Every structure is written in structure tokens, then in C-alpha cells.
Amino acid sequence: MFALWADSGQSKRLEPAENCTYFGYKRPGHEHYFEFYEDIFRKRSPIYIYCVRNFVENYLSIVSRWPSRSIDSVADDYLKSLQTYQRMSAQCGDRVLLFNLDALIVDGFKHVRDEILCPLGLSTARDVLRELSARGPANDTESTNKRTRRRRLTEDEQRFVDTHTELEREFVRLCCGDVVLENQVSPGS
């Protein structure tokens, strides 16, 4: 199965070490293949890491890469994705980990340790932990896509977000309030 994803990532290929415990693949919309993974890995019980972030940052990231995407279509996809996570979580329980990218920005590597490494029972050498902790959150979107990432909503986009409160409500509900939203500044303000 590793071979299916080995050359599909945006970064350079990493061969798994002999003692590799987990390997995986991340891409937007990967949750659409949930039923396929459950079927193909039925004897191995895969563990899923569902990455999420608030709608505005999600939209700005997508529209930076695909400028023709409309905010309403991205919003529809976003809500469908959150519903898929809820279905995955209901079906698989603790085999689905929720990784909140907004919390990563606030908490840094501690969030990776608490939400991924510890639940998976992975240990990491202290020197590697120090190096990763010192890095802080990183976003390679601009360097990968060779495009400047949009930082703000247009006035029309902000009006859309303001009138579609279900986007923030569903994100907060999903994350159980683990991100302090009152400390965030709206990209459209």
C-alpha cells in the first residue's frame, strides 16, 4: 500500500525505515476515500488523522491555489467534509484522530505531540523533539505552489461568511471549542 502513495506527495519521497510503525499520506479531500480504505485495510484497522481548520483559512488556502473556486462551492465541500469526519468518528471511534491546524498555530509542536504522537504511542528521540519544537508551525503552500497565498477575504467573501454562520458553528462544534476563537482576528477585518 505504501507504493500507492510513495510518489504522490508534494514533498520529496521518504522511504520507510525497517522499524517503521506507521506510514500515511495527506492530501486535501482524502476523507472521500474513507470507505475504500476501510475495505482495503479491513484486516489492519487503519488509524485516520483528520486535519481541520476554520473555514476562512481553509478557503483562503484553496482559493490561493485554485483562484477559480467560488466561496459557495468551497463552503459546500467544507461542510460535507466535516460531516464525513463525523461519520468516520461514529464508525471508527478512537481510530480517528482530530488534528486542528488552528490549534497547531497556537500550541506549536506540543499539539503534534499531544494529538498525534502520544495517541499513536510513538516515541521520538529528544534531539528530534527539540528540533521540531524549535521549528514552530510551518506552511509550505507558497513555496510549493510558487504563488503568494491570499491573506484576506474580499468584502463579498466576508459578507458570505457573515451570513453563513453554520461554517464557524460546525467547526467549533467539531473541535469542541479547543480553539479560543475570540483571540483570532478575522482575515476579512
N, C-alpha and C. Protein backbone atom coordinates (compact mmCIF):
# COMPACT_ATOMS: atom_id res chain seq x y z
N MET A 1 0.82 -1.20 0.00
CA MET A 1 0.00 0.00 0.00
C MET A 1 0.87 1.26 0.00
N PHE A 2 2.03 1.19 0.63
CA PHE A 2 2.91 2.37 0.65
C PHE A 2 3.21 2.83 -0.78
N ALA A 3 3.38 1.87 -1.69
CA ALA A 3 3.72 2.21 -3.07
C ALA A 3 2.64 3.04 -3.76
N LEU A 4 1.38 2.90 -3.31
CA LEU A 4 0.31 3.71 -3.90
C LEU A 4 0.56 5.20 -3.69
N TRP A 5 1.15 5.55 -2.55
CA TRP A 5 1.30 6.96 -2.18
C TRP A 5 2.73 7.46 -2.26
N ALA A 6 3.68 6.59 -2.45
CA ALA A 6 5.09 6.95 -2.31
C ALA A 6 5.50 8.16 -3.16
N ASP A 7 4.99 8.27 -4.36
CA ASP A 7 5.38 9.37 -5.23
C ASP A 7 4.27 10.40 -5.41
N SER A 8 3.27 10.36 -4.56
CA SER A 8 2.11 11.24 -4.73
C SER A 8 2.19 12.53 -3.93
N GLY A 9 3.08 12.62 -2.98
CA GLY A 9 3.14 13.77 -2.10
C GLY A 9 3.77 14.99 -2.75
N GLN A 10 3.66 16.12 -2.07
CA GLN A 10 4.23 17.36 -2.57
C GLN A 10 5.70 17.50 -2.17
N SER A 11 6.11 16.75 -1.17
CA SER A 11 7.50 16.84 -0.73
C SER A 11 8.28 15.65 -1.28
N LYS A 12 9.58 15.63 -0.99
CA LYS A 12 10.40 14.55 -1.53
C LYS A 12 10.01 13.21 -0.89
N ARG A 13 10.24 12.17 -1.62
CA ARG A 13 9.86 10.83 -1.18
C ARG A 13 10.73 10.39 -0.01
N LEU A 14 10.07 9.80 0.98
CA LEU A 14 10.77 9.22 2.12
C LEU A 14 10.51 7.73 2.12
N GLU A 15 11.54 6.95 2.11
CA GLU A 15 11.38 5.50 2.22
C GLU A 15 11.19 5.16 3.70
N PRO A 16 10.24 4.27 4.00
CA PRO A 16 10.06 3.89 5.41
C PRO A 16 11.25 3.08 5.91
N ALA A 17 11.65 3.34 7.13
CA ALA A 17 12.74 2.58 7.74
C ALA A 17 12.25 1.17 8.07
N GLU A 18 13.18 0.28 8.32
CA GLU A 18 12.82 -1.11 8.65
C GLU A 18 11.88 -1.18 9.85
N ASN A 19 12.08 -0.27 10.82
CA ASN A 19 11.27 -0.32 12.04
C ASN A 19 10.07 0.63 11.98
N CYS A 20 9.66 1.01 10.78
CA CYS A 20 8.54 1.93 10.60
C CYS A 20 7.27 1.35 11.22
N THR A 21 6.62 2.13 12.07
CA THR A 21 5.38 1.70 12.71
C THR A 21 4.18 2.13 11.91
N TYR A 22 4.21 3.36 11.40
CA TYR A 22 3.10 3.92 10.64
C TYR A 22 3.63 4.58 9.39
N PHE A 23 2.84 4.54 8.34
CA PHE A 23 3.08 5.42 7.20
C PHE A 23 1.73 5.87 6.69
N GLY A 24 1.72 6.98 6.01
CA GLY A 24 0.45 7.51 5.55
C GLY A 24 0.65 8.52 4.46
N TYR A 25 -0.45 9.13 4.12
CA TYR A 25 -0.46 10.07 3.02
C TYR A 25 -1.48 11.14 3.32
N LYS A 26 -1.13 12.39 3.03
CA LYS A 26 -2.05 13.50 3.30
C LYS A 26 -2.29 14.26 2.01
N ARG A 27 -3.53 14.54 1.77
CA ARG A 27 -3.91 15.42 0.66
C ARG A 27 -5.29 15.95 0.95
N PRO A 28 -5.63 17.10 0.39
CA PRO A 28 -6.98 17.63 0.61
C PRO A 28 -8.03 16.66 0.07
N GLY A 29 -9.12 16.53 0.80
CA GLY A 29 -10.23 15.69 0.35
C GLY A 29 -10.02 14.20 0.50
N HIS A 30 -8.96 13.80 1.20
CA HIS A 30 -8.64 12.38 1.34
C HIS A 30 -9.77 11.60 2.01
N GLU A 31 -10.58 12.28 2.80
CA GLU A 31 -11.67 11.61 3.50
C GLU A 31 -12.70 11.02 2.55
N HIS A 32 -12.70 11.47 1.30
CA HIS A 32 -13.64 10.93 0.31
C HIS A 32 -13.39 9.44 0.05
N TYR A 33 -12.20 8.96 0.40
CA TYR A 33 -11.83 7.57 0.15
C TYR A 33 -12.00 6.70 1.40
N PHE A 34 -12.68 7.21 2.40
CA PHE A 34 -12.82 6.51 3.67
C PHE A 34 -13.34 5.08 3.50
N GLU A 35 -14.43 4.91 2.77
CA GLU A 35 -15.00 3.57 2.60
C GLU A 35 -14.00 2.64 1.91
N PHE A 36 -13.29 3.16 0.92
CA PHE A 36 -12.27 2.36 0.23
C PHE A 36 -11.19 1.90 1.22
N TYR A 37 -10.69 2.82 2.04
CA TYR A 37 -9.65 2.46 3.00
C TYR A 37 -10.15 1.45 4.02
N GLU A 38 -11.37 1.65 4.48
CA GLU A 38 -11.94 0.69 5.44
C GLU A 38 -12.01 -0.71 4.83
N ASP A 39 -12.35 -0.77 3.55
CA ASP A 39 -12.46 -2.06 2.88
C ASP A 39 -11.09 -2.68 2.64
N ILE A 40 -10.19 -1.90 2.04
CA ILE A 40 -8.90 -2.46 1.65
C ILE A 40 -8.02 -2.79 2.87
N PHE A 41 -8.20 -2.05 3.96
CA PHE A 41 -7.40 -2.28 5.17
C PHE A 41 -8.20 -3.02 6.25
N ARG A 42 -9.28 -3.67 5.90
CA ARG A 42 -10.18 -4.24 6.91
C ARG A 42 -9.48 -5.17 7.89
N LYS A 43 -8.40 -5.81 7.49
CA LYS A 43 -7.68 -6.72 8.39
C LYS A 43 -6.64 -6.00 9.22
N ARG A 44 -6.39 -4.71 8.91
CA ARG A 44 -5.34 -3.97 9.61
C ARG A 44 -5.87 -2.83 10.46
N SER A 45 -7.15 -2.51 10.37
CA SER A 45 -7.76 -1.42 11.14
C SER A 45 -6.94 -0.13 11.08
N PRO A 46 -7.04 0.61 9.99
CA PRO A 46 -6.24 1.83 9.87
C PRO A 46 -6.63 2.88 10.90
N ILE A 47 -5.68 3.75 11.18
CA ILE A 47 -5.93 4.91 12.04
C ILE A 47 -5.91 6.13 11.13
N TYR A 48 -6.92 6.96 11.27
CA TYR A 48 -7.06 8.14 10.42
C TYR A 48 -6.73 9.38 11.23
N ILE A 49 -6.06 10.32 10.59
CA ILE A 49 -5.83 11.63 11.18
C ILE A 49 -6.55 12.63 10.29
N TYR A 50 -7.61 13.21 10.83
CA TYR A 50 -8.42 14.17 10.07
C TYR A 50 -7.95 15.57 10.43
N CYS A 51 -7.41 16.28 9.44
CA CYS A 51 -6.93 17.65 9.65
C CYS A 51 -8.05 18.63 9.32
N VAL A 52 -8.21 19.61 10.19
CA VAL A 52 -9.26 20.61 10.01
C VAL A 52 -8.72 21.98 10.40
N ARG A 53 -9.33 22.99 9.84
CA ARG A 53 -9.05 24.35 10.28
C ARG A 53 -10.30 25.18 10.05
N ASN A 54 -10.32 26.38 10.57
CA ASN A 54 -11.50 27.23 10.42
C ASN A 54 -11.76 27.49 8.94
N PHE A 55 -13.01 27.79 8.61
CA PHE A 55 -13.39 27.91 7.21
C PHE A 55 -12.63 29.00 6.49
N VAL A 56 -12.46 30.16 7.09
CA VAL A 56 -11.82 31.28 6.39
C VAL A 56 -10.41 30.89 5.95
N GLU A 57 -9.61 30.33 6.85
CA GLU A 57 -8.24 29.95 6.47
C GLU A 57 -8.26 28.82 5.44
N ASN A 58 -9.19 27.90 5.59
CA ASN A 58 -9.34 26.82 4.62
C ASN A 58 -9.64 27.41 3.24
N TYR A 59 -10.60 28.32 3.18
CA TYR A 59 -10.97 28.93 1.90
C TYR A 59 -9.81 29.71 1.29
N LEU A 60 -9.14 30.54 2.10
CA LEU A 60 -8.03 31.34 1.58
C LEU A 60 -6.92 30.45 1.02
N SER A 61 -6.67 29.33 1.67
CA SER A 61 -5.67 28.40 1.17
C SER A 61 -6.09 27.81 -0.18
N ILE A 62 -7.35 27.40 -0.27
CA ILE A 62 -7.84 26.79 -1.51
C ILE A 62 -7.88 27.80 -2.65
N VAL A 63 -8.42 28.99 -2.40
CA VAL A 63 -8.56 29.97 -3.47
C VAL A 63 -7.19 30.53 -3.90
N SER A 64 -6.21 30.44 -3.04
CA SER A 64 -4.86 30.85 -3.43
C SER A 64 -4.29 29.88 -4.46
N ARG A 65 -4.64 28.64 -4.31
CA ARG A 65 -4.12 27.62 -5.23
C ARG A 65 -5.00 27.48 -6.47
N TRP A 66 -6.30 27.57 -6.27
CA TRP A 66 -7.27 27.43 -7.36
C TRP A 66 -8.17 28.67 -7.38
N PRO A 67 -7.71 29.76 -7.97
CA PRO A 67 -8.44 31.03 -7.93
C PRO A 67 -9.85 30.98 -8.52
N SER A 68 -10.14 30.01 -9.34
CA SER A 68 -11.47 29.95 -9.95
C SER A 68 -12.52 29.33 -9.02
N ARG A 69 -12.10 28.78 -7.90
CA ARG A 69 -13.05 28.17 -6.97
C ARG A 69 -13.91 29.26 -6.32
N SER A 70 -15.21 29.05 -6.29
CA SER A 70 -16.11 30.03 -5.66
C SER A 70 -16.24 29.72 -4.17
N ILE A 71 -16.51 30.75 -3.40
CA ILE A 71 -16.62 30.57 -1.96
C ILE A 71 -17.79 29.66 -1.59
N ASP A 72 -18.88 29.72 -2.35
CA ASP A 72 -20.01 28.85 -2.01
C ASP A 72 -19.70 27.38 -2.29
N SER A 73 -18.96 27.09 -3.35
CA SER A 73 -18.61 25.68 -3.61
C SER A 73 -17.61 25.17 -2.57
N VAL A 74 -16.67 26.02 -2.17
CA VAL A 74 -15.72 25.61 -1.12
C VAL A 74 -16.47 25.40 0.19
N ALA A 75 -17.44 26.26 0.49
CA ALA A 75 -18.23 26.12 1.71
C ALA A 75 -19.01 24.80 1.70
N ASP A 76 -19.61 24.46 0.56
CA ASP A 76 -20.32 23.18 0.46
C ASP A 76 -19.38 22.01 0.71
N ASP A 77 -18.21 22.04 0.07
CA ASP A 77 -17.22 20.97 0.27
C ASP A 77 -16.77 20.90 1.72
N TYR A 78 -16.58 22.05 2.34
CA TYR A 78 -16.13 22.12 3.74
C TYR A 78 -17.14 21.45 4.66
N LEU A 79 -18.41 21.80 4.51
CA LEU A 79 -19.44 21.21 5.37
C LEU A 79 -19.59 19.72 5.11
N LYS A 80 -19.49 19.29 3.86
CA LYS A 80 -19.54 17.86 3.55
C LYS A 80 -18.37 17.13 4.18
N SER A 81 -17.21 17.75 4.16
CA SER A 81 -16.03 17.14 4.77
C SER A 81 -16.21 16.97 6.28
N LEU A 82 -16.74 18.00 6.93
CA LEU A 82 -16.99 17.90 8.38
C LEU A 82 -18.00 16.80 8.67
N GLN A 83 -19.00 16.64 7.83
CA GLN A 83 -19.97 15.55 8.00
C GLN A 83 -19.30 14.19 7.82
N THR A 84 -18.38 14.10 6.87
CA THR A 84 -17.65 12.85 6.66
C THR A 84 -16.83 12.52 7.90
N TYR A 85 -16.16 13.52 8.48
CA TYR A 85 -15.42 13.27 9.72
C TYR A 85 -16.34 12.71 10.79
N GLN A 86 -17.51 13.30 10.95
CA GLN A 86 -18.45 12.83 11.98
C GLN A 86 -18.85 11.38 11.72
N ARG A 87 -19.07 11.03 10.45
CA ARG A 87 -19.40 9.65 10.11
C ARG A 87 -18.22 8.72 10.40
N MET A 88 -17.03 9.14 10.04
CA MET A 88 -15.83 8.34 10.31
C MET A 88 -15.67 8.11 11.80
N SER A 89 -15.81 9.18 12.56
CA SER A 89 -15.65 9.10 14.01
C SER A 89 -16.70 8.19 14.64
N ALA A 90 -17.95 8.30 14.17
CA ALA A 90 -19.01 7.45 14.71
C ALA A 90 -18.76 5.98 14.39
N GLN A 91 -18.22 5.72 13.21
CA GLN A 91 -17.99 4.34 12.78
C GLN A 91 -16.73 3.75 13.38
N CYS A 92 -15.68 4.56 13.54
CA CYS A 92 -14.37 4.03 13.93
C CYS A 92 -13.92 4.42 15.32
N GLY A 93 -14.61 5.34 15.97
CA GLY A 93 -14.25 5.73 17.34
C GLY A 93 -12.84 6.26 17.44
N ASP A 94 -12.04 5.63 18.32
CA ASP A 94 -10.70 6.15 18.60
C ASP A 94 -9.68 5.86 17.49
N ARG A 95 -10.12 5.29 16.39
CA ARG A 95 -9.22 5.13 15.24
C ARG A 95 -9.21 6.39 14.37
N VAL A 96 -9.96 7.41 14.76
CA VAL A 96 -9.98 8.67 14.02
C VAL A 96 -9.49 9.78 14.96
N LEU A 97 -8.34 10.34 14.64
CA LEU A 97 -7.78 11.42 15.43
C LEU A 97 -8.10 12.75 14.74
N LEU A 98 -8.47 13.74 15.53
CA LEU A 98 -8.77 15.06 15.00
C LEU A 98 -7.56 15.96 15.22
N PHE A 99 -7.03 16.51 14.14
CA PHE A 99 -5.88 17.40 14.22
C PHE A 99 -6.29 18.78 13.74
N ASN A 100 -6.36 19.71 14.68
CA ASN A 100 -6.82 21.06 14.41
C ASN A 100 -5.62 21.95 14.06
N LEU A 101 -5.53 22.36 12.81
CA LEU A 101 -4.40 23.18 12.36
C LEU A 101 -4.36 24.55 13.03
N ASP A 102 -5.52 25.08 13.42
CA ASP A 102 -5.53 26.35 14.15
C ASP A 102 -4.90 26.18 15.53
N ALA A 103 -5.17 25.05 16.16
CA ALA A 103 -4.55 24.78 17.47
C ALA A 103 -3.05 24.57 17.31
N LEU A 104 -2.62 24.01 16.19
CA LEU A 104 -1.18 23.85 15.93
C LEU A 104 -0.50 25.21 15.92
N ILE A 105 -1.13 26.20 15.29
CA ILE A 105 -0.56 27.54 15.24
C ILE A 105 -0.42 28.13 16.64
N VAL A 106 -1.41 27.87 17.49
CA VAL A 106 -1.39 28.40 18.85
C VAL A 106 -0.40 27.63 19.73
N ASP A 107 -0.44 26.30 19.67
CA ASP A 107 0.32 25.46 20.60
C ASP A 107 1.66 24.97 20.07
N GLY A 108 1.91 25.11 18.78
CA GLY A 108 3.16 24.62 18.20
C GLY A 108 3.27 23.11 18.25
N PHE A 109 4.50 22.63 18.36
CA PHE A 109 4.75 21.19 18.29
C PHE A 109 4.06 20.42 19.40
N LYS A 110 3.77 21.07 20.51
CA LYS A 110 3.06 20.41 21.61
C LYS A 110 1.75 19.80 21.09
N HIS A 111 1.10 20.49 20.16
CA HIS A 111 -0.15 19.99 19.59
C HIS A 111 0.09 18.69 18.80
N VAL A 112 1.18 18.63 18.04
CA VAL A 112 1.53 17.41 17.30
C VAL A 112 1.77 16.28 18.29
N ARG A 113 2.53 16.57 19.32
CA ARG A 113 2.84 15.55 20.33
C ARG A 113 1.57 15.04 21.01
N ASP A 114 0.71 15.98 21.44
CA ASP A 114 -0.48 15.60 22.19
C ASP A 114 -1.55 14.93 21.34
N GLU A 115 -1.68 15.36 20.09
CA GLU A 115 -2.80 14.89 19.27
C GLU A 115 -2.44 13.77 18.29
N ILE A 116 -1.15 13.58 18.03
CA ILE A 116 -0.77 12.52 17.09
C ILE A 116 0.22 11.55 17.72
N LEU A 117 1.38 12.04 18.16
CA LEU A 117 2.41 11.13 18.64
C LEU A 117 1.96 10.31 19.85
N CYS A 118 1.44 10.97 20.87
CA CYS A 118 1.01 10.24 22.07
C CYS A 118 -0.13 9.26 21.79
N PRO A 119 -1.21 9.68 21.11
CA PRO A 119 -2.28 8.71 20.84
C PRO A 119 -1.82 7.50 20.01
N LEU A 120 -0.82 7.69 19.15
CA LEU A 120 -0.31 6.58 18.35
C LEU A 120 0.74 5.78 19.10
N GLY A 121 1.12 6.24 20.27
CA GLY A 121 2.13 5.53 21.05
C GLY A 121 3.51 5.62 20.45
N LEU A 122 3.79 6.72 19.75
CA LEU A 122 5.08 6.89 19.11
C LEU A 122 6.03 7.66 20.01
N SER A 123 7.23 7.17 20.12
CA SER A 123 8.25 7.89 20.87
C SER A 123 9.19 8.55 19.87
N THR A 124 9.75 9.65 20.28
CA THR A 124 10.64 10.40 19.41
C THR A 124 11.87 10.77 20.22
N ALA A 125 13.02 10.64 19.60
CA ALA A 125 14.28 10.99 20.27
C ALA A 125 14.25 12.44 20.73
N ARG A 126 14.85 12.71 21.86
CA ARG A 126 14.83 14.06 22.43
C ARG A 126 15.41 15.12 21.51
N ASP A 127 16.50 14.77 20.80
CA ASP A 127 17.09 15.76 19.90
C ASP A 127 16.15 16.08 18.74
N VAL A 128 15.40 15.09 18.27
CA VAL A 128 14.42 15.33 17.21
C VAL A 128 13.27 16.18 17.75
N LEU A 129 12.81 15.86 18.97
CA LEU A 129 11.75 16.66 19.60
C LEU A 129 12.17 18.12 19.74
N ARG A 130 13.40 18.35 20.19
CA ARG A 130 13.91 19.73 20.33
C ARG A 130 13.92 20.44 18.99
N GLU A 131 14.41 19.75 17.96
CA GLU A 131 14.47 20.36 16.62
C GLU A 131 13.07 20.69 16.11
N LEU A 132 12.13 19.77 16.25
CA LEU A 132 10.77 20.01 15.77
C LEU A 132 10.08 21.10 16.58
N SER A 133 10.29 21.11 17.88
CA SER A 133 9.70 22.14 18.73
C SER A 133 10.20 23.52 18.37
N ALA A 134 11.46 23.62 18.02
CA ALA A 134 12.06 24.91 17.68
C ALA A 134 11.57 25.45 16.34
N ARG A 135 11.14 24.57 15.47
CA ARG A 135 10.68 24.99 14.13
C ARG A 135 9.43 25.83 14.17
N GLY A 136 8.49 25.48 15.02
CA GLY A 136 7.21 26.18 15.03
C GLY A 136 6.35 25.73 13.86
N PRO A 137 5.11 26.22 13.82
CA PRO A 137 4.23 25.82 12.73
C PRO A 137 4.74 26.36 11.39
N ALA A 138 4.62 25.57 10.36
CA ALA A 138 5.10 25.97 9.04
C ALA A 138 4.01 25.71 8.01
N ASN A 139 3.97 26.55 7.01
CA ASN A 139 3.04 26.36 5.91
C ASN A 139 3.85 26.52 4.62
N ASP A 140 3.94 25.45 3.87
CA ASP A 140 4.75 25.46 2.65
C ASP A 140 3.94 25.75 1.40
N THR A 141 2.70 26.21 1.56
CA THR A 141 1.83 26.43 0.42
C THR A 141 2.47 27.34 -0.62
N GLU A 142 3.02 28.46 -0.19
CA GLU A 142 3.59 29.41 -1.14
C GLU A 142 4.79 28.84 -1.87
N SER A 143 5.69 28.20 -1.14
CA SER A 143 6.89 27.67 -1.81
C SER A 143 6.54 26.48 -2.70
N THR A 144 5.58 25.67 -2.29
CA THR A 144 5.19 24.52 -3.09
C THR A 144 4.49 24.95 -4.37
N ASN A 145 3.58 25.92 -4.26
CA ASN A 145 2.76 26.32 -5.41
C ASN A 145 3.36 27.48 -6.20
N LYS A 146 4.44 28.07 -5.69
CA LYS A 146 5.07 29.21 -6.37
C LYS A 146 4.09 30.36 -6.58
N ARG A 147 3.19 30.54 -5.61
CA ARG A 147 2.19 31.61 -5.64
C ARG A 147 2.06 32.20 -4.25
N THR A 148 1.76 33.48 -4.20
CA THR A 148 1.51 34.13 -2.91
C THR A 148 0.15 33.68 -2.39
N ARG A 149 0.11 33.32 -1.14
CA ARG A 149 -1.15 32.89 -0.52
C ARG A 149 -1.97 34.11 -0.13
N ARG A 150 -3.24 34.07 -0.46
CA ARG A 150 -4.12 35.18 -0.06
C ARG A 150 -4.22 35.22 1.46
N ARG A 151 -4.26 36.42 2.01
CA ARG A 151 -4.32 36.59 3.47
C ARG A 151 -5.66 37.13 3.93
N ARG A 152 -6.46 37.71 3.02
CA ARG A 152 -7.69 38.37 3.43
C ARG A 152 -8.83 38.01 2.49
N LEU A 153 -10.02 38.05 3.05
CA LEU A 153 -11.24 37.88 2.26
C LEU A 153 -11.57 39.19 1.57
N THR A 154 -12.20 39.11 0.41
CA THR A 154 -12.75 40.32 -0.21
C THR A 154 -13.99 40.72 0.58
N GLU A 155 -14.52 41.90 0.31
CA GLU A 155 -15.74 42.34 1.00
C GLU A 155 -16.90 41.38 0.73
N ASP A 156 -17.06 40.95 -0.51
CA ASP A 156 -18.13 40.00 -0.85
C ASP A 156 -17.95 38.66 -0.13
N GLU A 157 -16.72 38.20 -0.07
CA GLU A 157 -16.44 36.93 0.63
C GLU A 157 -16.73 37.07 2.12
N GLN A 158 -16.36 38.21 2.70
CA GLN A 158 -16.64 38.43 4.13
C GLN A 158 -18.15 38.45 4.38
N ARG A 159 -18.90 39.08 3.49
CA ARG A 159 -20.37 39.07 3.63
C ARG A 159 -20.91 37.64 3.57
N PHE A 160 -20.36 36.84 2.67
CA PHE A 160 -20.77 35.44 2.58
C PHE A 160 -20.53 34.72 3.91
N VAL A 161 -19.34 34.88 4.45
CA VAL A 161 -19.00 34.23 5.73
C VAL A 161 -19.92 34.74 6.84
N ASP A 162 -20.16 36.03 6.86
CA ASP A 162 -21.02 36.63 7.90
C ASP A 162 -22.45 36.10 7.83
N THR A 163 -22.92 35.74 6.64
CA THR A 163 -24.30 35.26 6.50
C THR A 163 -24.40 33.74 6.53
N HIS A 164 -23.28 33.06 6.58
CA HIS A 164 -23.27 31.59 6.65
C HIS A 164 -22.59 31.17 7.96
N THR A 165 -23.25 31.49 9.05
CA THR A 165 -22.69 31.24 10.38
C THR A 165 -22.51 29.75 10.68
N GLU A 166 -23.17 28.89 9.89
CA GLU A 166 -23.02 27.45 10.11
C GLU A 166 -21.58 27.00 9.87
N LEU A 167 -20.82 27.74 9.08
CA LEU A 167 -19.43 27.36 8.81
C LEU A 167 -18.59 27.41 10.09
N GLU A 168 -18.68 28.51 10.81
CA GLU A 168 -17.94 28.61 12.07
C GLU A 168 -18.56 27.73 13.15
N ARG A 169 -19.90 27.70 13.20
CA ARG A 169 -20.58 26.90 14.22
C ARG A 169 -20.19 25.42 14.12
N GLU A 170 -20.18 24.88 12.90
CA GLU A 170 -19.85 23.46 12.73
C GLU A 170 -18.38 23.19 13.04
N PHE A 171 -17.51 24.13 12.70
CA PHE A 171 -16.09 23.98 13.04
C PHE A 171 -15.91 23.95 14.56
N VAL A 172 -16.54 24.89 15.25
CA VAL A 172 -16.42 24.95 16.71
C VAL A 172 -17.01 23.70 17.34
N ARG A 173 -18.16 23.28 16.83
CA ARG A 173 -18.80 22.07 17.36
C ARG A 173 -17.89 20.86 17.17
N LEU A 174 -17.27 20.75 16.01
CA LEU A 174 -16.37 19.64 15.72
C LEU A 174 -15.18 19.63 16.66
N CYS A 175 -14.62 20.79 16.88
CA CYS A 175 -13.40 20.89 17.70
C CYS A 175 -13.70 21.02 19.19
N CYS A 176 -14.96 21.00 19.57
CA CYS A 176 -15.36 21.09 20.98
C CYS A 176 -14.78 22.32 21.66
N GLY A 177 -14.63 23.39 20.89
CA GLY A 177 -14.15 24.64 21.48
C GLY A 177 -12.69 24.62 21.88
N ASP A 178 -11.87 23.71 21.29
CA ASP A 178 -10.47 23.66 21.71
C ASP A 178 -9.62 24.78 21.13
N VAL A 179 -10.21 25.64 20.31
CA VAL A 179 -9.52 26.83 19.82
C VAL A 179 -10.26 28.03 20.38
N VAL A 180 -9.54 28.94 20.94
CA VAL A 180 -10.16 30.12 21.52
C VAL A 180 -10.43 31.11 20.39
N LEU A 181 -11.67 31.11 19.91
CA LEU A 181 -11.99 31.92 18.73
C LEU A 181 -11.94 33.41 19.01
N GLU A 182 -12.20 33.84 20.25
CA GLU A 182 -12.19 35.28 20.50
C GLU A 182 -10.79 35.86 20.39
N ASN A 183 -9.75 35.03 20.39
CA ASN A 183 -8.40 35.53 20.23
C ASN A 183 -7.96 35.58 18.77
N GLN A 184 -8.80 35.06 17.88
CA GLN A 184 -8.45 35.08 16.47
C GLN A 184 -8.98 36.35 15.83
N VAL A 185 -8.21 36.87 14.92
CA VAL A 185 -8.64 38.05 14.18
C VAL A 185 -9.16 37.56 12.84
N SER A 186 -10.33 37.97 12.46
CA SER A 186 -10.92 37.57 11.20
C SER A 186 -10.07 38.12 10.06
N PRO A 187 -9.68 37.27 9.10
CA PRO A 187 -8.88 37.75 7.99
C PRO A 187 -9.56 38.83 7.17
N GLY A 188 -10.89 38.96 7.27
CA GLY A 188 -11.59 39.97 6.49
C GLY A 188 -11.72 41.30 7.21
N SER A 189 -11.28 41.37 8.45
CA SER A 189 -11.46 42.62 9.21
C SER A 189 -10.27 43.54 9.08
